[in-house]
Amino acid sequence: MIPATVTANDLIAPNLRRLTLASPVLRGLTLTGPDEYVGLLMPVPGVPLPTPASVDVDGLNIRAAVADLPKQERPGLRWYTIRHFRQDAGEIDLDVVMHDDHSGPGSLWCAAAAPGDTAGIWLCNAIWIRHADRPLFVADPSAVPALRAILEFTADHHPDDLAKYHVYVVAHSPDDLEAGLAEEWEEKVGSLKIIYAAPGMEKEAVTTQLRRAAASDDPAAAPEYVWVSGEAGLAKEVRKVAVDELGVDRDFVDWVAYWIEGRPRP
């Protein structure tokens, strides 16, 4: 675990906060990919952050290490993608979706975090792999920071690839998203759809659009590779449709569940 200090906490959309964390250790970090995610350990109010030795474990089972701590000392643990990494400054930005009632531990802690507060960073890895001519990306607001990081990385290093990218974003409202997604990327990628759906209807909205695309021979529904991240039910359903209906080899579907509807995902 890397102890870090909050240096900024900005509301970048009505339901989205950008948390900036700094640590000298981050100056030596090399990302494994643009959508690298980390575990954020959020201390109990009034309780110091656990020492790195108390949660650094063999086998990388950070969940078990945190669960073994006394309840009154146990930090919250949630997972976020690195939106920006400034190696020279030893800083990362994490974009945190604020739930309507701010009831989740991540939302509660991030809503109150102030410069000077401490948190822990547990390094993980990236998911996306550049290996297909026709990738399909599907993201909800929790995964849009990763998606945008992938698009920016591609624009910087493989700009000719962008025209082959097909992107689906599903959200409850524009308030859940950093501004400028369509304006910046719609003309650069093969296609981009932003779908607004009522809470609980996200996976149905996305899969309906995918089936319509398949029926009309839209190239977005003929991917060689699928990257889908966000709520667990959404990710699993898109994976199922991609394999069973769009003919994608299951080995070419990368997915990660950042959260689970209706219950915590520690």
C-alpha atoms as a PDB file:
ATOM      1  CA  MET A   1       0.000   0.000   0.000  1.00  0.00           C
ATOM      2  CA  ILE A   2       1.177   3.502  -0.848  1.00  0.00           C
ATOM      3  CA  PRO A   3       0.249   6.194   1.698  1.00  0.00           C
ATOM      4  CA  ALA A   4      -0.914   9.303  -0.160  1.00  0.00           C
ATOM      5  CA  THR A   5      -2.207  12.791   0.571  1.00  0.00           C
ATOM      6  CA  VAL A   6      -5.248  14.463  -0.926  1.00  0.00           C
ATOM      7  CA  THR A   7      -4.131  17.601  -2.755  1.00  0.00           C
ATOM      8  CA  ALA A   8      -7.407  18.546  -4.498  1.00  0.00           C
ATOM      9  CA  ASN A   9     -11.067  17.562  -4.603  1.00  0.00           C
ATOM     10  CA  ASP A  10     -13.011  19.188  -7.441  1.00  0.00           C
ATOM     11  CA  LEU A  11     -16.612  18.793  -8.578  1.00  0.00           C
ATOM     12  CA  ILE A  12     -16.177  18.422 -12.366  1.00  0.00           C
ATOM     13  CA  ALA A  13     -19.831  17.523 -13.067  1.00  0.00           C
ATOM     14  CA  PRO A  14     -22.915  17.635 -10.832  1.00  0.00           C
ATOM     15  CA  ASN A  15     -22.469  13.939  -9.955  1.00  0.00           C
ATOM     16  CA  LEU A  16     -18.723  13.536 -10.497  1.00  0.00           C
ATOM     17  CA  ARG A  17     -15.776  14.445  -8.291  1.00  0.00           C
ATOM     18  CA  ARG A  18     -12.094  14.440  -9.251  1.00  0.00           C
ATOM     19  CA  LEU A  19      -9.870  13.467  -6.351  1.00  0.00           C
ATOM     20  CA  THR A  20      -6.149  14.214  -6.652  1.00  0.00           C
ATOM     21  CA  LEU A  21      -3.730  12.156  -4.556  1.00  0.00           C
ATOM     22  CA  ALA A  22       0.007  12.666  -4.227  1.00  0.00           C
ATOM     23  CA  SER A  23       2.883  10.551  -2.960  1.00  0.00           C
ATOM     24  CA  PRO A  24       6.634  10.604  -3.669  1.00  0.00           C
ATOM     25  CA  VAL A  25       6.358   6.859  -4.308  1.00  0.00           C
ATOM     26  CA  LEU A  26       4.196   7.546  -7.371  1.00  0.00           C
ATOM     27  CA  ARG A  27       7.144   9.206  -9.110  1.00  0.00           C
ATOM     28  CA  GLY A  28       8.567   5.718  -9.591  1.00  0.00           C
ATOM     29  CA  LEU A  29       5.323   4.216 -10.917  1.00  0.00           C
ATOM     30  CA  THR A  30       5.097   2.875 -14.462  1.00  0.00           C
ATOM     31  CA  LEU A  31       1.528   2.245 -15.599  1.00  0.00           C
ATOM     32  CA  THR A  32       0.722  -1.127 -17.162  1.00  0.00           C
ATOM     33  CA  GLY A  33      -1.824   0.521 -19.468  1.00  0.00           C
ATOM     34  CA  PRO A  34      -4.061   3.575 -19.869  1.00  0.00           C
ATOM     35  CA  ASP A  35      -7.000   2.024 -17.986  1.00  0.00           C
ATOM     36  CA  GLU A  36      -4.989   1.045 -14.912  1.00  0.00           C
ATOM     37  CA  TYR A  37      -7.118   0.887 -11.781  1.00  0.00           C
ATOM     38  CA  VAL A  38      -6.234   1.071  -8.101  1.00  0.00           C
ATOM     39  CA  GLY A  39      -7.765   0.244  -4.770  1.00  0.00           C
ATOM     40  CA  LEU A  40      -8.461   3.337  -2.672  1.00  0.00           C
ATOM     41  CA  LEU A  41      -8.219   2.722   1.067  1.00  0.00           C
ATOM     42  CA  MET A  42     -10.224   5.371   2.901  1.00  0.00           C
ATOM     43  CA  PRO A  43      -9.539   5.647   6.646  1.00  0.00           C
ATOM     44  CA  VAL A  44     -12.291   5.720   9.226  1.00  0.00           C
ATOM     45  CA  PRO A  45     -12.896   9.348  10.338  1.00  0.00           C
ATOM     46  CA  GLY A  46     -10.660  10.126  13.285  1.00  0.00           C
ATOM     47  CA  VAL A  47      -8.634   6.927  12.842  1.00  0.00           C
ATOM     48  CA  PRO A  48      -5.154   6.987  11.275  1.00  0.00           C
ATOM     49  CA  LEU A  49      -4.595   5.149   8.017  1.00  0.00           C
ATOM     50  CA  PRO A  50      -3.288   1.627   8.714  1.00  0.00           C
ATOM     51  CA  THR A  51       0.437   1.236   8.246  1.00  0.00           C
ATOM     52  CA  PRO A  52       1.523  -0.297   4.935  1.00  0.00           C
ATOM     53  CA  ALA A  53       2.855  -3.334   6.801  1.00  0.00           C
ATOM     54  CA  SER A  54      -0.599  -4.084   8.225  1.00  0.00           C
ATOM     55  CA  VAL A  55      -2.204  -4.482   4.794  1.00  0.00           C
ATOM     56  CA  ASP A  56       0.686  -5.446   2.490  1.00  0.00           C
ATOM     57  CA  VAL A  57       0.181  -9.158   1.980  1.00  0.00           C
ATOM     58  CA  ASP A  58       1.567 -12.037  -0.031  1.00  0.00           C
ATOM     59  CA  GLY A  59      -0.762 -13.146  -2.803  1.00  0.00           C
ATOM     60  CA  LEU A  60      -2.123  -9.604  -3.323  1.00  0.00           C
ATOM     61  CA  ASN A  61      -5.343 -10.350  -1.400  1.00  0.00           C
ATOM     62  CA  ILE A  62      -5.934  -6.825  -0.194  1.00  0.00           C
ATOM     63  CA  ARG A  63      -9.609  -7.543   0.545  1.00  0.00           C
ATOM     64  CA  ALA A  64      -8.703 -10.251   3.051  1.00  0.00           C
ATOM     65  CA  ALA A  65      -6.006  -8.089   4.633  1.00  0.00           C
ATOM     66  CA  VAL A  66      -8.455  -5.220   5.153  1.00  0.00           C
ATOM     67  CA  ALA A  67     -11.162  -7.567   6.456  1.00  0.00           C
ATOM     68  CA  ASP A  68      -8.724  -8.902   9.068  1.00  0.00           C
ATOM     69  CA  LEU A  69      -8.241  -5.463  10.620  1.00  0.00           C
ATOM     70  CA  PRO A  70     -10.302  -4.582  13.722  1.00  0.00           C
ATOM     71  CA  LYS A  71     -13.656  -3.171  12.620  1.00  0.00           C
ATOM     72  CA  GLN A  72     -13.086   0.175  14.330  1.00  0.00           C
ATOM     73  CA  GLU A  73      -9.832   0.599  12.355  1.00  0.00           C
ATOM     74  CA  ARG A  74     -10.902  -0.943   9.049  1.00  0.00           C
ATOM     75  CA  PRO A  75     -10.652   1.488   6.104  1.00  0.00           C
ATOM     76  CA  GLY A  76     -13.145   1.495   3.264  1.00  0.00           C
ATOM     77  CA  LEU A  77     -11.870  -0.111   0.060  1.00  0.00           C
ATOM     78  CA  ARG A  78     -13.167   0.803  -3.381  1.00  0.00           C
ATOM     79  CA  TRP A  79     -11.778   0.614  -6.924  1.00  0.00           C
ATOM     80  CA  TYR A  80     -11.149   3.473  -9.327  1.00  0.00           C
ATOM     81  CA  THR A  81      -9.364   3.999 -12.624  1.00  0.00           C
ATOM     82  CA  ILE A  82      -6.476   6.430 -12.818  1.00  0.00           C
ATOM     83  CA  ARG A  83      -7.863   9.280 -14.936  1.00  0.00           C
ATOM     84  CA  HIS A  84      -4.602  11.213 -15.130  1.00  0.00           C
ATOM     85  CA  PHE A  85      -1.077  10.341 -13.995  1.00  0.00           C
ATOM     86  CA  ARG A  86       1.524  13.075 -13.532  1.00  0.00           C
ATOM     87  CA  GLN A  87       4.686  11.156 -12.845  1.00  0.00           C
ATOM     88  CA  ASP A  88       6.955  14.153 -12.264  1.00  0.00           C
ATOM     89  CA  ALA A  89       4.588  15.466  -9.585  1.00  0.00           C
ATOM     90  CA  GLY A  90       3.835  12.032  -8.135  1.00  0.00           C
ATOM     91  CA  GLU A  91       0.090  12.652  -8.572  1.00  0.00           C
ATOM     92  CA  ILE A  92      -2.925  10.719  -9.792  1.00  0.00           C
ATOM     93  CA  ASP A  93      -6.501  11.833 -10.443  1.00  0.00           C
ATOM     94  CA  LEU A  94      -9.400   9.516  -9.621  1.00  0.00           C
ATOM     95  CA  ASP A  95     -12.890  10.385 -10.876  1.00  0.00           C
ATOM     96  CA  VAL A  96     -15.591   9.294  -8.421  1.00  0.00           C
ATOM     97  CA  VAL A  97     -19.265   9.031  -9.381  1.00  0.00           C
ATOM     98  CA  MET A  98     -21.404  10.436  -6.579  1.00  0.00           C
ATOM     99  CA  HIS A  99     -24.499   8.316  -5.987  1.00  0.00           C
ATOM    100  CA  ASP A 100     -27.758  10.223  -5.565  1.00  0.00           C
ATOM    101  CA  ASP A 101     -27.856   9.651  -1.813  1.00  0.00           C
ATOM    102  CA  HIS A 102     -24.062   9.635  -1.301  1.00  0.00           C
ATOM    103  CA  SER A 103     -24.628   6.363   0.577  1.00  0.00           C
ATOM    104  CA  GLY A 104     -21.663   4.362  -0.667  1.00  0.00           C
ATOM    105  CA  PRO A 105     -18.420   4.456   1.319  1.00  0.00           C
ATOM    106  CA  GLY A 106     -16.546   5.832  -1.679  1.00  0.00           C
ATOM    107  CA  SER A 107     -19.094   8.601  -2.228  1.00  0.00           C
ATOM    108  CA  LEU A 108     -19.253   9.486   1.465  1.00  0.00           C
ATOM    109  CA  TRP A 109     -15.498   9.668   1.909  1.00  0.00           C
ATOM    110  CA  CYS A 110     -14.785  11.462  -1.360  1.00  0.00           C
ATOM    111  CA  ALA A 111     -17.529  14.030  -0.762  1.00  0.00           C
ATOM    112  CA  ALA A 112     -15.815  15.054   2.472  1.00  0.00           C
ATOM    113  CA  ALA A 113     -12.128  14.566   1.568  1.00  0.00           C
ATOM    114  CA  ALA A 114     -10.069  17.745   1.818  1.00  0.00           C
ATOM    115  CA  PRO A 115      -6.486  18.671   0.952  1.00  0.00           C
ATOM    116  CA  GLY A 116      -4.189  17.255   3.610  1.00  0.00           C
ATOM    117  CA  ASP A 117      -6.316  14.165   4.278  1.00  0.00           C
ATOM    118  CA  THR A 118      -4.588  10.811   3.907  1.00  0.00           C
ATOM    119  CA  ALA A 119      -5.585   7.701   1.976  1.00  0.00           C
ATOM    120  CA  GLY A 120      -3.958   4.511   0.786  1.00  0.00           C
ATOM    121  CA  ILE A 121      -3.385   3.418  -2.816  1.00  0.00           C
ATOM    122  CA  TRP A 122      -3.247  -0.273  -3.707  1.00  0.00           C
ATOM    123  CA  LEU A 123      -1.728  -0.756  -7.161  1.00  0.00           C
ATOM    124  CA  CYS A 124      -3.503  -3.125  -9.545  1.00  0.00           C
ATOM    125  CA  ASN A 125      -3.178  -3.312 -13.330  1.00  0.00           C
ATOM    126  CA  ALA A 126      -4.696  -2.350 -16.670  1.00  0.00           C
ATOM    127  CA  ILE A 127      -7.291  -4.376 -18.587  1.00  0.00           C
ATOM    128  CA  TRP A 128      -7.310  -3.086 -22.180  1.00  0.00           C
ATOM    129  CA  ILE A 129      -5.065  -4.701 -24.769  1.00  0.00           C
ATOM    130  CA  ARG A 130      -4.515  -3.217 -28.235  1.00  0.00           C
ATOM    131  CA  HIS A 131      -4.882  -6.276 -30.445  1.00  0.00           C
ATOM    132  CA  ALA A 132      -7.904  -6.011 -32.733  1.00  0.00           C
ATOM    133  CA  ASP A 133      -9.001  -4.078 -35.804  1.00  0.00           C
ATOM    134  CA  ARG A 134     -12.599  -3.532 -34.685  1.00  0.00           C
ATOM    135  CA  PRO A 135     -12.882  -2.975 -30.935  1.00  0.00           C
ATOM    136  CA  LEU A 136     -16.158  -2.199 -29.192  1.00  0.00           C
ATOM    137  CA  PHE A 137     -16.046  -0.251 -25.927  1.00  0.00           C
ATOM    138  CA  VAL A 138     -18.977  -0.179 -23.486  1.00  0.00           C
ATOM    139  CA  ALA A 139     -18.822   1.908 -20.299  1.00  0.00           C
ATOM    140  CA  ASP A 140     -21.060   3.341 -17.612  1.00  0.00           C
ATOM    141  CA  PRO A 141     -20.028   6.519 -15.723  1.00  0.00           C
ATOM    142  CA  SER A 142     -17.744   4.589 -13.357  1.00  0.00           C
ATOM    143  CA  ALA A 143     -15.774   3.314 -16.368  1.00  0.00           C
ATOM    144  CA  VAL A 144     -15.802   6.428 -18.544  1.00  0.00           C
ATOM    145  CA  PRO A 145     -12.547   7.703 -16.942  1.00  0.00           C
ATOM    146  CA  ALA A 146     -10.858   4.496 -18.136  1.00  0.00           C
ATOM    147  CA  LEU A 147     -12.471   4.786 -21.558  1.00  0.00           C
ATOM    148  CA  ARG A 148     -11.328   8.370 -22.001  1.00  0.00           C
ATOM    149  CA  ALA A 149      -7.807   7.440 -20.908  1.00  0.00           C
ATOM    150  CA  ILE A 150      -7.758   4.703 -23.578  1.00  0.00           C
ATOM    151  CA  LEU A 151      -8.983   7.136 -26.242  1.00  0.00           C
ATOM    152  CA  GLU A 152      -6.370   9.718 -25.257  1.00  0.00           C
ATOM    153  CA  PHE A 153      -3.600   7.101 -25.247  1.00  0.00           C
ATOM    154  CA  THR A 154      -4.665   5.900 -28.692  1.00  0.00           C
ATOM    155  CA  ALA A 155      -4.802   9.455 -30.049  1.00  0.00           C
ATOM    156  CA  ASP A 156      -1.254  10.046 -28.816  1.00  0.00           C
ATOM    157  CA  HIS A 157       0.314   6.748 -29.921  1.00  0.00           C
ATOM    158  CA  HIS A 158      -1.886   5.069 -32.569  1.00  0.00           C
ATOM    159  CA  PRO A 159      -4.176   7.780 -33.988  1.00  0.00           C
ATOM    160  CA  ASP A 160      -5.078   5.764 -37.090  1.00  0.00           C
ATOM    161  CA  ASP A 161      -6.749   3.176 -34.831  1.00  0.00           C
ATOM    162  CA  LEU A 162      -9.453   5.582 -33.660  1.00  0.00           C
ATOM    163  CA  ALA A 163     -11.520   5.298 -36.842  1.00  0.00           C
ATOM    164  CA  LYS A 164     -11.982   1.582 -36.066  1.00  0.00           C
ATOM    165  CA  TYR A 165     -13.268   2.192 -32.529  1.00  0.00           C
ATOM    166  CA  HIS A 166     -16.958   1.906 -31.677  1.00  0.00           C
ATOM    167  CA  VAL A 167     -18.012   3.346 -28.327  1.00  0.00           C
ATOM    168  CA  TYR A 168     -21.199   2.957 -26.267  1.00  0.00           C
ATOM    169  CA  VAL A 169     -21.613   4.966 -23.062  1.00  0.00           C
ATOM    170  CA  VAL A 170     -24.670   4.500 -20.849  1.00  0.00           C
ATOM    171  CA  ALA A 171     -25.567   6.924 -18.049  1.00  0.00           C
ATOM    172  CA  HIS A 172     -28.567   8.217 -16.132  1.00  0.00           C
ATOM    173  CA  SER A 173     -27.996  11.818 -17.239  1.00  0.00           C
ATOM    174  CA  PRO A 174     -25.284  14.178 -18.539  1.00  0.00           C
ATOM    175  CA  ASP A 175     -24.683  15.125 -14.888  1.00  0.00           C
ATOM    176  CA  ASP A 176     -22.848  11.795 -14.450  1.00  0.00           C
ATOM    177  CA  LEU A 177     -20.203  12.520 -17.098  1.00  0.00           C
ATOM    178  CA  GLU A 178     -17.206  14.794 -17.528  1.00  0.00           C
ATOM    179  CA  ALA A 179     -18.156  17.352 -20.166  1.00  0.00           C
ATOM    180  CA  GLY A 180     -16.928  17.135 -23.742  1.00  0.00           C
ATOM    181  CA  LEU A 181     -17.032  13.405 -24.485  1.00  0.00           C
ATOM    182  CA  ALA A 182     -19.100  13.672 -27.666  1.00  0.00           C
ATOM    183  CA  GLU A 183     -17.591  16.992 -28.744  1.00  0.00           C
ATOM    184  CA  GLU A 184     -14.041  15.680 -28.438  1.00  0.00           C
ATOM    185  CA  TRP A 185     -14.398  12.149 -29.807  1.00  0.00           C
ATOM    186  CA  GLU A 186     -17.495  11.752 -31.999  1.00  0.00           C
ATOM    187  CA  GLU A 187     -15.715  12.784 -35.199  1.00  0.00           C
ATOM    188  CA  LYS A 188     -12.517  10.890 -34.377  1.00  0.00           C
ATOM    189  CA  VAL A 189     -13.852   7.400 -33.652  1.00  0.00           C
ATOM    190  CA  GLY A 190     -15.809   5.063 -35.915  1.00  0.00           C
ATOM    191  CA  SER A 191     -18.974   5.693 -33.913  1.00  0.00           C
ATOM    192  CA  LEU A 192     -19.972   6.950 -30.483  1.00  0.00           C
ATOM    193  CA  LYS A 193     -23.366   6.539 -28.826  1.00  0.00           C
ATOM    194  CA  ILE A 194     -24.276   8.077 -25.468  1.00  0.00           C
ATOM    195  CA  ILE A 195     -27.368   6.320 -24.135  1.00  0.00           C
ATOM    196  CA  TYR A 196     -29.401   7.712 -21.246  1.00  0.00           C
ATOM    197  CA  ALA A 197     -31.327   5.112 -19.257  1.00  0.00           C
ATOM    198  CA  ALA A 198     -33.308   5.039 -16.034  1.00  0.00           C
ATOM    199  CA  PRO A 199     -31.553   3.519 -12.994  1.00  0.00           C
ATOM    200  CA  GLY A 200     -31.570  -0.258 -13.275  1.00  0.00           C
ATOM    201  CA  MET A 201     -32.245  -0.197 -17.028  1.00  0.00           C
ATOM    202  CA  GLU A 202     -28.689   0.332 -18.247  1.00  0.00           C
ATOM    203  CA  LYS A 203     -27.952  -3.193 -19.457  1.00  0.00           C
ATOM    204  CA  GLU A 204     -31.294  -3.443 -21.276  1.00  0.00           C
ATOM    205  CA  ALA A 205     -30.675  -0.095 -22.975  1.00  0.00           C
ATOM    206  CA  VAL A 206     -27.204  -1.090 -24.174  1.00  0.00           C
ATOM    207  CA  THR A 207     -28.091  -4.594 -25.337  1.00  0.00           C
ATOM    208  CA  THR A 208     -31.142  -3.253 -27.192  1.00  0.00           C
ATOM    209  CA  GLN A 209     -28.886  -0.838 -29.065  1.00  0.00           C
ATOM    210  CA  LEU A 210     -26.407  -3.615 -29.857  1.00  0.00           C
ATOM    211  CA  ARG A 211     -29.153  -5.852 -31.245  1.00  0.00           C
ATOM    212  CA  ARG A 212     -30.495  -3.011 -33.374  1.00  0.00           C
ATOM    213  CA  ALA A 213     -26.996  -2.384 -34.667  1.00  0.00           C
ATOM    214  CA  ALA A 214     -26.605  -6.064 -35.559  1.00  0.00           C
ATOM    215  CA  ALA A 215     -29.943  -6.086 -37.393  1.00  0.00           C
ATOM    216  CA  SER A 216     -28.861  -3.114 -39.514  1.00  0.00           C
ATOM    217  CA  ASP A 217     -25.338  -4.427 -40.222  1.00  0.00           C
ATOM    218  CA  ASP A 218     -23.824  -1.584 -38.226  1.00  0.00           C
ATOM    219  CA  PRO A 219     -20.065  -2.277 -37.902  1.00  0.00           C
ATOM    220  CA  ALA A 220     -20.327  -1.528 -34.168  1.00  0.00           C
ATOM    221  CA  ALA A 221     -22.084  -4.899 -33.839  1.00  0.00           C
ATOM    222  CA  ALA A 222     -19.293  -6.802 -35.623  1.00  0.00           C
ATOM    223  CA  PRO A 223     -16.374  -6.344 -33.236  1.00  0.00           C
ATOM    224  CA  GLU A 224     -13.275  -8.508 -33.035  1.00  0.00           C
ATOM    225  CA  TYR A 225     -12.706  -7.431 -29.442  1.00  0.00           C
ATOM    226  CA  VAL A 226     -14.922  -6.059 -26.668  1.00  0.00           C
ATOM    227  CA  TRP A 227     -13.898  -3.987 -23.637  1.00  0.00           C
ATOM    228  CA  VAL A 228     -16.761  -3.507 -21.180  1.00  0.00           C
ATOM    229  CA  SER A 229     -16.512  -2.066 -17.687  1.00  0.00           C
ATOM    230  CA  GLY A 230     -18.820  -0.639 -15.053  1.00  0.00           C
ATOM    231  CA  GLU A 231     -21.648  -2.203 -13.065  1.00  0.00           C
ATOM    232  CA  ALA A 232     -21.349  -5.999 -12.769  1.00  0.00           C
ATOM    233  CA  GLY A 233     -24.722  -6.840 -14.324  1.00  0.00           C
ATOM    234  CA  LEU A 234     -24.062  -4.543 -17.275  1.00  0.00           C
ATOM    235  CA  ALA A 235     -20.607  -6.000 -17.902  1.00  0.00           C
ATOM    236  CA  LYS A 236     -21.817  -9.606 -17.697  1.00  0.00           C
ATOM    237  CA  GLU A 237     -24.813  -9.028 -19.981  1.00  0.00           C
ATOM    238  CA  VAL A 238     -22.762  -7.242 -22.639  1.00  0.00           C
ATOM    239  CA  ARG A 239     -20.193 -10.036 -22.513  1.00  0.00           C
ATOM    240  CA  LYS A 240     -22.976 -12.610 -22.977  1.00  0.00           C
ATOM    241  CA  VAL A 241     -24.497 -10.769 -25.944  1.00  0.00           C
ATOM    242  CA  ALA A 242     -21.069 -10.253 -27.509  1.00  0.00           C
ATOM    243  CA  VAL A 243     -20.231 -13.961 -27.336  1.00  0.00           C
ATOM    244  CA  ASP A 244     -23.647 -15.539 -27.950  1.00  0.00           C
ATOM    245  CA  GLU A 245     -25.125 -13.093 -30.467  1.00  0.00           C
ATOM    246  CA  LEU A 246     -22.292 -11.085 -32.027  1.00  0.00           C
ATOM    247  CA  GLY A 247     -19.921 -14.021 -32.409  1.00  0.00           C
ATOM    248  CA  VAL A 248     -16.993 -12.603 -30.447  1.00  0.00           C
ATOM    249  CA  ASP A 249     -14.527 -15.168 -29.116  1.00  0.00           C
ATOM    250  CA  ARG A 250     -14.918 -15.091 -25.325  1.00  0.00           C
ATOM    251  CA  ASP A 251     -11.121 -14.815 -25.039  1.00  0.00           C
ATOM    252  CA  PHE A 252     -11.433 -11.454 -26.778  1.00  0.00           C
ATOM    253  CA  VAL A 253     -13.839  -9.947 -24.267  1.00  0.00           C
ATOM    254  CA  ASP A 254     -12.161  -8.025 -21.450  1.00  0.00           C
ATOM    255  CA  TRP A 255     -14.436  -6.854 -18.660  1.00  0.00           C
ATOM    256  CA  VAL A 256     -14.255  -5.560 -15.126  1.00  0.00           C
ATOM    257  CA  ALA A 257     -17.019  -4.891 -12.596  1.00  0.00           C
ATOM    258  CA  TYR A 258     -16.271  -1.683 -10.685  1.00  0.00           C
ATOM    259  CA  TRP A 259     -19.477  -1.957  -8.650  1.00  0.00           C
ATOM    260  CA  ILE A 260     -22.577  -4.113  -8.080  1.00  0.00           C
ATOM    261  CA  GLU A 261     -26.118  -2.732  -8.172  1.00  0.00           C
ATOM    262  CA  GLY A 262     -27.784  -2.923  -4.750  1.00  0.00           C
ATOM    263  CA  ARG A 263     -24.856  -4.171  -2.696  1.00  0.00           C
ATOM    264  CA  PRO A 264     -21.260  -3.259  -1.889  1.00  0.00           C
ATOM    265  CA  ARG A 265     -18.330  -4.577  -3.875  1.00  0.00           C
ATOM    266  CA  PRO A 266     -15.389  -4.467  -1.479  1.00  0.00           C
END
